[in-house]
Amino acid sequence: MHTVLKRIMTTLTILSVIAGTAFGAGQGEAEAVAETADTPEPVTVRFAEVAWTDIVATTASTRLVLEAIGYDTTAVMVAVPMAYEGMAGGDVDVFLGNWMPSMATIANRYFDEGTVIMNRANLEGAKYTLATPTYMAEQGLTSFADIADFAEELDSTIHGIEPGNDGNQLILDMIAEDAFGLGDFSLAESSEAGMLAEAQARAQQEEPIVFLGWAPHPMNNYLDMEYLSGGDDYFGPDYGAATVYTNTRAGFLEAYPNLERFFDNLYFTLEMEGAIMGAIDDGIDAEVAAEEWLRENPAILEDWFDGVQDLDGNPALETVRAELGI
């Protein structure tokens, strides 16, 4: 079964566990043993992960190299609001998927409170907004303002991903505010895999659909699709132009200077994410896909590990190269 789909199918189970344990309240601090100059201790870096192929790819890549230099890592698959609750509560350390500006409605509260820190941008040149197949654009559905004109064909429905996602919330806001005449529309919540399967099925029959689209993502290769214009007030200008940031729980990086250097260095590229996501969509495990890409493109490791040490105090770049066989 597709790797991402497997993860999505386990999300409800994981969420039920989280709901009952509040992310294992109190346990996190015991696991995160402080680094010291004299006796570096093993540190567990706890990631929040969402069921989007791009964040699966970046989280797998990051965990792979951190484990190569001696750190332990864990990841829990959650919806976006739970990722922020986990960081605010001190039970999750890192989230690599802060898509802005669309995620501002969820994340800004935590930034303002100081419980979650927005760190460096890890991806530039992304986009996130509504999309439709090219055959619908050719019929005149090219902007947000056109959607209501196709209400009957679309069954007054816009297709989103998992409940709680920021993109879904923006669609719900448009419906609640009757923006673009969408007051009678409804949102079909699903998952990344579920929504894209629906889009593919409809595309094969040239049936109408409007759905959440973003880049980087392999959907841009296997779906003949167009992004809708005019959604600036909700998804941002330039067809939902987005920047993705690393977020951490307050105090985490200050406590671990070596990790602070690493996460200050960490970035991804559209090419990298596109290649790893494509491999994942072909059924390759995310960590395997990440490792294969890094072996073929090792230069990026020089940037990631500039000034970083492994847990034995050695230059991390040498260690990760040895571990990955580069």
Protein backbone atom coordinates (compact mmCIF):
# COMPACT_ATOMS: atom_id res chain seq x y z
CA MET A 1 0.00 0.00 0.00
CA HIS A 2 1.17 3.57 -0.73
CA THR A 3 3.38 4.84 2.10
CA VAL A 4 1.52 8.10 2.63
CA LEU A 5 -1.84 6.34 2.48
CA LYS A 6 -0.67 3.96 5.21
CA ARG A 7 0.24 6.92 7.37
CA ILE A 8 -3.11 8.57 6.73
CA MET A 9 -5.01 5.41 7.66
CA THR A 10 -3.24 5.34 11.01
CA THR A 11 -3.86 9.01 11.77
CA LEU A 12 -7.18 8.48 13.56
CA THR A 13 -5.64 5.81 15.74
CA ILE A 14 -2.70 8.06 16.60
CA LEU A 15 -4.96 11.00 17.28
CA SER A 16 -7.06 8.92 19.66
CA VAL A 17 -3.94 7.96 21.56
CA ILE A 18 -2.82 11.59 21.67
CA ALA A 19 -6.20 12.70 22.90
CA GLY A 20 -5.99 10.25 25.76
CA THR A 21 -2.40 11.02 26.70
CA ALA A 22 -2.07 14.72 25.84
CA PHE A 23 1.11 13.87 23.93
CA GLY A 24 2.44 12.05 26.99
CA ALA A 25 2.45 15.14 29.15
CA GLY A 26 5.62 15.47 31.17
CA GLN A 27 7.40 12.64 29.41
CA GLY A 28 8.92 14.89 26.77
CA GLU A 29 11.17 16.82 29.12
CA ALA A 30 12.60 13.62 30.52
CA GLU A 31 13.38 12.37 27.03
CA ALA A 32 15.09 15.58 25.92
CA VAL A 33 18.35 15.22 27.86
CA ALA A 34 20.47 18.36 27.63
CA GLU A 35 23.67 18.41 25.61
CA THR A 36 26.80 19.43 27.45
CA ALA A 37 30.28 20.18 26.15
CA ASP A 38 31.89 17.48 28.33
CA THR A 39 29.42 14.62 28.12
CA PRO A 40 27.08 14.89 25.16
CA GLU A 41 24.03 12.79 25.89
CA PRO A 42 21.62 11.15 23.45
CA VAL A 43 18.80 13.54 22.59
CA THR A 44 15.42 12.59 21.19
CA VAL A 45 14.11 15.10 18.68
CA ARG A 46 10.33 14.81 18.46
CA PHE A 47 8.70 15.82 15.18
CA ALA A 48 5.09 16.64 14.45
CA GLU A 49 4.21 15.39 10.99
CA VAL A 50 1.14 15.94 8.85
CA ALA A 51 -0.14 13.60 6.16
CA TRP A 52 1.06 15.68 3.22
CA THR A 53 3.63 14.10 0.95
CA ASP A 54 5.94 17.14 1.07
CA ILE A 55 6.13 17.15 4.87
CA VAL A 56 6.51 13.37 4.92
CA ALA A 57 9.48 13.85 2.57
CA THR A 58 11.16 16.67 4.50
CA THR A 59 10.61 15.06 7.89
CA ALA A 60 12.02 11.74 6.67
CA SER A 61 15.09 13.51 5.24
CA THR A 62 15.71 15.41 8.45
CA ARG A 63 15.24 12.43 10.73
CA LEU A 64 17.55 10.36 8.53
CA VAL A 65 20.50 12.72 8.85
CA LEU A 66 19.95 13.50 12.53
CA GLU A 67 19.96 9.80 13.34
CA ALA A 68 23.11 9.41 11.23
CA ILE A 69 24.96 11.79 13.58
CA GLY A 70 23.73 10.16 16.77
CA TYR A 71 20.38 11.67 17.68
CA ASP A 72 17.24 9.67 18.33
CA THR A 73 14.10 10.91 16.60
CA THR A 74 10.39 10.21 16.75
CA ALA A 75 7.46 11.51 14.71
CA VAL A 76 3.74 11.56 15.33
CA MET A 77 1.22 12.03 12.52
CA VAL A 78 -1.32 14.68 13.52
CA ALA A 79 -3.58 17.34 12.08
CA VAL A 80 -2.10 20.84 11.94
CA PRO A 81 -3.86 22.21 15.06
CA MET A 82 -2.56 19.27 17.10
CA ALA A 83 0.99 19.96 15.90
CA TYR A 84 0.79 23.42 17.44
CA GLU A 85 -0.85 22.19 20.61
CA GLY A 86 1.95 19.65 20.92
CA MET A 87 4.68 22.27 20.54
CA ALA A 88 2.93 24.73 22.85
CA GLY A 89 2.58 22.00 25.48
CA GLY A 90 6.25 21.04 25.27
CA ASP A 91 5.56 17.56 23.96
CA VAL A 92 6.67 18.08 20.34
CA ASP A 93 9.92 19.80 19.40
CA VAL A 94 9.85 20.49 15.66
CA PHE A 95 7.36 20.99 12.83
CA LEU A 96 8.74 21.47 9.32
CA GLY A 97 5.43 22.31 7.62
CA ASN A 98 4.46 25.87 8.56
CA TRP A 99 3.06 27.00 5.18
CA MET A 100 2.58 30.76 5.24
CA PRO A 101 0.50 32.83 4.78
CA SER A 102 -2.28 30.22 4.61
CA MET A 103 -1.43 28.72 8.02
CA ALA A 104 -1.45 32.09 9.77
CA THR A 105 -5.00 31.53 11.00
CA ILE A 106 -3.75 28.58 13.05
CA ALA A 107 -0.13 29.42 13.82
CA ASN A 108 -0.08 33.14 14.59
CA ARG A 109 -1.74 32.72 17.97
CA TYR A 110 1.11 30.49 19.14
CA PHE A 111 3.75 32.82 17.70
CA ASP A 112 2.12 35.77 19.47
CA GLU A 113 1.99 33.85 22.75
CA GLY A 114 5.64 32.90 22.39
CA THR A 115 4.96 29.19 22.88
CA VAL A 116 6.02 28.31 19.33
CA ILE A 117 8.92 29.91 17.46
CA MET A 118 8.96 30.59 13.73
CA ASN A 119 12.48 29.70 12.66
CA ARG A 120 14.07 30.04 9.23
CA ALA A 121 12.27 29.50 5.96
CA ASN A 122 13.07 25.98 4.82
CA LEU A 123 11.42 26.26 1.39
CA GLU A 124 10.88 29.22 -0.94
CA GLY A 125 8.80 29.34 -4.09
CA ALA A 126 5.90 27.15 -2.98
CA LYS A 127 2.23 27.81 -3.77
CA TYR A 128 -1.08 26.79 -2.19
CA THR A 129 -4.54 27.71 -3.45
CA LEU A 130 -7.58 26.32 -5.24
CA ALA A 131 -7.14 24.49 -8.53
CA THR A 132 -9.22 22.87 -11.23
CA PRO A 133 -8.50 20.62 -14.22
CA THR A 134 -7.44 22.39 -17.41
CA TYR A 135 -10.61 21.29 -19.22
CA MET A 136 -12.63 23.28 -16.64
CA ALA A 137 -10.39 26.32 -17.10
CA GLU A 138 -11.04 26.08 -20.83
CA GLN A 139 -14.76 26.30 -20.05
CA GLY A 140 -14.22 29.58 -18.17
CA LEU A 141 -13.43 28.47 -14.61
CA THR A 142 -10.21 30.43 -14.15
CA SER A 143 -10.75 32.44 -10.97
CA PHE A 144 -12.36 32.26 -7.53
CA ALA A 145 -15.06 34.58 -8.85
CA ASP A 146 -16.02 31.97 -11.48
CA ILE A 147 -16.64 29.08 -9.06
CA ALA A 148 -20.22 30.05 -8.21
CA ASP A 149 -21.08 30.17 -11.94
CA PHE A 150 -20.37 26.43 -12.03
CA ALA A 151 -22.29 25.61 -8.85
CA GLU A 152 -24.58 23.07 -10.53
CA GLU A 153 -21.76 21.25 -12.30
CA LEU A 154 -19.66 21.22 -9.11
CA ASP A 155 -22.60 20.12 -6.96
CA SER A 156 -21.81 23.26 -4.93
CA THR A 157 -18.80 21.47 -3.45
CA ILE A 158 -15.12 22.28 -3.05
CA HIS A 159 -12.80 19.40 -2.23
CA GLY A 160 -10.28 19.75 0.60
CA ILE A 161 -7.94 17.55 2.59
CA GLU A 162 -7.90 16.48 6.24
CA PRO A 163 -10.15 18.17 8.84
CA GLY A 164 -8.40 20.97 10.68
CA ASN A 165 -6.10 21.83 7.78
CA ASP A 166 -5.52 25.53 7.20
CA GLY A 167 -6.60 25.32 3.55
CA ASN A 168 -9.88 23.74 4.58
CA GLN A 169 -10.39 26.53 7.10
CA LEU A 170 -9.87 29.17 4.45
CA ILE A 171 -12.51 27.49 2.28
CA LEU A 172 -14.89 27.37 5.25
CA ASP A 173 -14.22 31.06 5.89
CA MET A 174 -15.11 31.89 2.28
CA ILE A 175 -18.34 29.91 2.57
CA ALA A 176 -19.26 31.50 5.91
CA GLU A 177 -18.63 34.98 4.52
CA ASP A 178 -20.36 34.25 1.20
CA ALA A 179 -17.15 35.36 -0.50
CA PHE A 180 -17.30 35.03 -4.29
CA GLY A 181 -20.95 33.98 -3.91
CA LEU A 182 -19.95 30.67 -2.27
CA GLY A 183 -22.40 30.87 0.63
CA ASP A 184 -24.36 27.82 -0.56
CA PHE A 185 -21.26 25.71 -1.17
CA SER A 186 -19.97 22.97 1.11
CA LEU A 187 -16.51 21.58 1.79
CA ALA A 188 -15.76 17.90 1.18
CA GLU A 189 -13.09 17.04 3.76
CA SER A 190 -10.96 14.00 3.08
CA SER A 191 -7.17 13.62 3.05
CA GLU A 192 -4.40 14.43 0.60
CA ALA A 193 -4.56 10.96 -0.91
CA GLY A 194 -8.37 10.87 -0.88
CA MET A 195 -8.78 14.28 -2.48
CA LEU A 196 -6.24 13.57 -5.20
CA ALA A 197 -7.76 10.18 -5.94
CA GLU A 198 -11.10 11.96 -6.43
CA ALA A 199 -9.48 14.57 -8.68
CA GLN A 200 -7.80 11.87 -10.77
CA ALA A 201 -11.01 9.87 -11.10
CA ARG A 202 -12.94 12.92 -12.24
CA ALA A 203 -10.19 13.99 -14.61
CA GLN A 204 -10.39 10.65 -16.39
CA GLN A 205 -14.04 11.38 -17.16
CA GLU A 206 -13.52 15.14 -17.60
CA GLU A 207 -15.97 15.80 -14.77
CA PRO A 208 -16.00 19.12 -12.89
CA ILE A 209 -14.05 19.55 -9.65
CA VAL A 210 -12.37 22.34 -7.66
CA PHE A 211 -9.79 21.21 -5.11
CA LEU A 212 -6.86 22.35 -3.02
CA GLY A 213 -3.67 22.35 -5.05
CA TRP A 214 -0.08 23.13 -4.12
CA ALA A 215 3.50 22.96 -5.28
CA PRO A 216 5.86 21.29 -4.88
CA HIS A 217 3.84 18.13 -5.36
CA PRO A 218 3.69 15.39 -8.01
CA MET A 219 0.04 16.30 -8.67
CA ASN A 220 1.42 19.06 -10.90
CA ASN A 221 2.88 16.36 -13.15
CA TYR A 222 0.11 13.76 -13.26
CA LEU A 223 -2.87 16.14 -13.25
CA ASP A 224 -3.41 18.57 -16.13
CA MET A 225 -4.50 21.37 -13.81
CA GLU A 226 -4.70 25.15 -13.47
CA TYR A 227 -4.51 27.30 -10.35
CA LEU A 228 -7.35 29.78 -9.87
CA SER A 229 -6.63 33.50 -9.70
CA GLY A 230 -8.27 36.05 -7.42
CA GLY A 231 -7.89 34.31 -4.06
CA ASP A 232 -5.37 36.83 -2.72
CA ASP A 233 -7.42 37.83 0.34
CA TYR A 234 -7.54 34.23 1.53
CA PHE A 235 -4.58 32.29 0.12
CA GLY A 236 -2.27 35.21 -0.60
CA PRO A 237 -1.14 36.87 -3.84
CA ASP A 238 0.49 35.31 -6.88
CA TYR A 239 -1.72 32.22 -6.92
CA GLY A 240 -1.15 31.47 -3.26
CA ALA A 241 2.61 32.00 -3.29
CA ALA A 242 3.89 30.42 -0.09
CA THR A 243 6.97 30.12 2.07
CA VAL A 244 7.40 27.13 4.35
CA TYR A 245 9.03 27.64 7.75
CA THR A 246 10.54 25.43 10.41
CA ASN A 247 8.76 25.86 13.75
CA THR A 248 10.01 24.73 17.16
CA ARG A 249 8.67 24.73 20.68
CA ALA A 250 9.84 27.71 22.72
CA GLY A 251 13.18 27.09 24.42
CA PHE A 252 14.08 23.97 22.46
CA LEU A 253 16.86 25.29 20.26
CA GLU A 254 18.27 27.50 23.00
CA ALA A 255 18.75 24.35 25.09
CA TYR A 256 20.54 22.53 22.27
CA PRO A 257 23.04 24.82 20.50
CA ASN A 258 24.22 22.08 18.15
CA LEU A 259 20.66 21.43 16.99
CA GLU A 260 20.12 25.17 16.75
CA ARG A 261 22.99 25.40 14.25
CA PHE A 262 21.55 22.48 12.30
CA PHE A 263 18.01 23.85 12.09
CA ASP A 264 19.35 27.33 11.28
CA ASN A 265 21.08 25.69 8.30
CA LEU A 266 18.31 23.36 7.19
CA TYR A 267 16.53 24.13 3.93
CA PHE A 268 14.99 22.23 1.04
CA THR A 269 14.54 22.94 -2.66
CA LEU A 270 11.63 22.50 -5.03
CA GLU A 271 13.70 20.05 -7.04
CA MET A 272 14.60 17.99 -3.97
CA GLU A 273 11.07 17.78 -2.64
CA GLY A 274 9.63 17.04 -6.06
CA ALA A 275 12.03 14.14 -6.61
CA ILE A 276 11.49 12.58 -3.17
CA MET A 277 7.72 13.00 -3.38
CA GLY A 278 7.70 11.41 -6.81
CA ALA A 279 9.53 8.38 -5.42
CA ILE A 280 7.09 8.18 -2.51
CA ASP A 281 4.18 8.26 -4.95
CA ASP A 282 5.84 5.35 -6.76
CA GLY A 283 5.62 3.33 -3.54
CA ILE A 284 9.15 3.86 -2.19
CA ASP A 285 9.46 4.34 1.56
CA ALA A 286 10.04 8.00 2.43
CA GLU A 287 13.32 7.41 4.26
CA VAL A 288 14.64 5.24 1.43
CA ALA A 289 13.64 7.91 -1.11
CA ALA A 290 15.34 10.60 0.96
CA GLU A 291 18.52 8.57 1.34
CA GLU A 292 18.70 7.85 -2.38
CA TRP A 293 18.28 11.53 -3.22
CA LEU A 294 20.95 12.62 -0.72
CA ARG A 295 23.42 10.07 -2.05
CA GLU A 296 22.91 11.45 -5.54
CA ASN A 297 22.94 15.09 -4.37
CA PRO A 298 25.36 15.22 -1.42
CA ALA A 299 26.37 18.88 -1.85
CA ILE A 300 23.37 20.07 0.18
CA LEU A 301 24.80 18.30 3.24
CA GLU A 302 27.68 20.79 3.31
CA ASP A 303 25.15 23.56 3.95
CA TRP A 304 23.10 21.58 6.45
CA PHE A 305 26.07 20.59 8.61
CA ASP A 306 28.16 23.75 8.47
CA GLY A 307 29.42 24.17 12.06
CA VAL A 308 27.46 21.15 13.34
CA GLN A 309 28.99 18.27 15.32
CA ASP A 310 27.87 14.72 15.85
CA LEU A 311 27.17 13.59 19.40
CA ASP A 312 30.76 12.44 19.79
CA GLY A 313 32.02 15.94 19.03
CA ASN A 314 33.25 15.14 15.53
CA PRO A 315 32.40 17.18 12.42
CA ALA A 316 28.89 16.04 11.56
CA LEU A 317 29.44 16.28 7.81
CA GLU A 318 32.11 13.57 7.91
CA THR A 319 29.89 11.36 10.06
CA VAL A 320 26.78 11.65 7.91
CA ARG A 321 28.77 11.00 4.75
CA ALA A 322 30.20 7.86 6.29
CA GLU A 323 26.78 6.70 7.52
CA LEU A 324 25.16 7.24 4.13
CA GLY A 325 28.07 5.76 2.21
CA ILE A 326 28.80 8.95 0.28
